[in-house]
Amino acid sequence: MANTFYGKLAIAALLCVGFALLINAQDKPVTDVCLGCICEAISGCNRTATCTGGICGLFRITWPYWADGGKQTLNGESPESESAYANCVNDPYCAADTIQNYMTKYAQDCNGDSQVDCYDYAAIHKLGGYGCKGELGYNYLNTLSNCLSLFQG
């Protein structure tokens, strides 16, 4: 049973990392692998995720997060458009750009290990720029750790 779970996790993580590699996050704070693993941890990289309870897309981004990330938009849409937020964060590329901008703004050592790495970015993503020292929860942290161990090394 555990082997089946880890097999499915590995396949899902490969797909997510493959997706993140397509984003081509050059000269940005969050690596492609980290983006893919955050995606896996936060939503299982569920591409069908839209908006539920003010949280949208496969990265589960809120409106304030999107605003702090620079109000990225698609195809020249005005950031003031009523649909700009949902259109962006439901698009994987626009959502990834939002995350990169958010992390540029809030990057910090959240876990006290004297470095800013994917664990810190994952904490910032889930808990916010001012709350990242809080508890991440077992499932989120475990999924993130398993994903990172598969693709870093």
Foldseek 3Di string as FASTA:
>chain_A
DVVVVLVVLQVLLVVLLVVLVVLVPPPFDADSLLRSLLLCLQASQPLVFADDPQFGASNRDHPVLLVQLPLFAPPPDDSPDPCGVRRQRSDVNSVVSSLRSQCVVQFDDQDPPPDGYSLQSSLCSVQNSVGSVDDDDDSSVVSSVSSCVSPPD
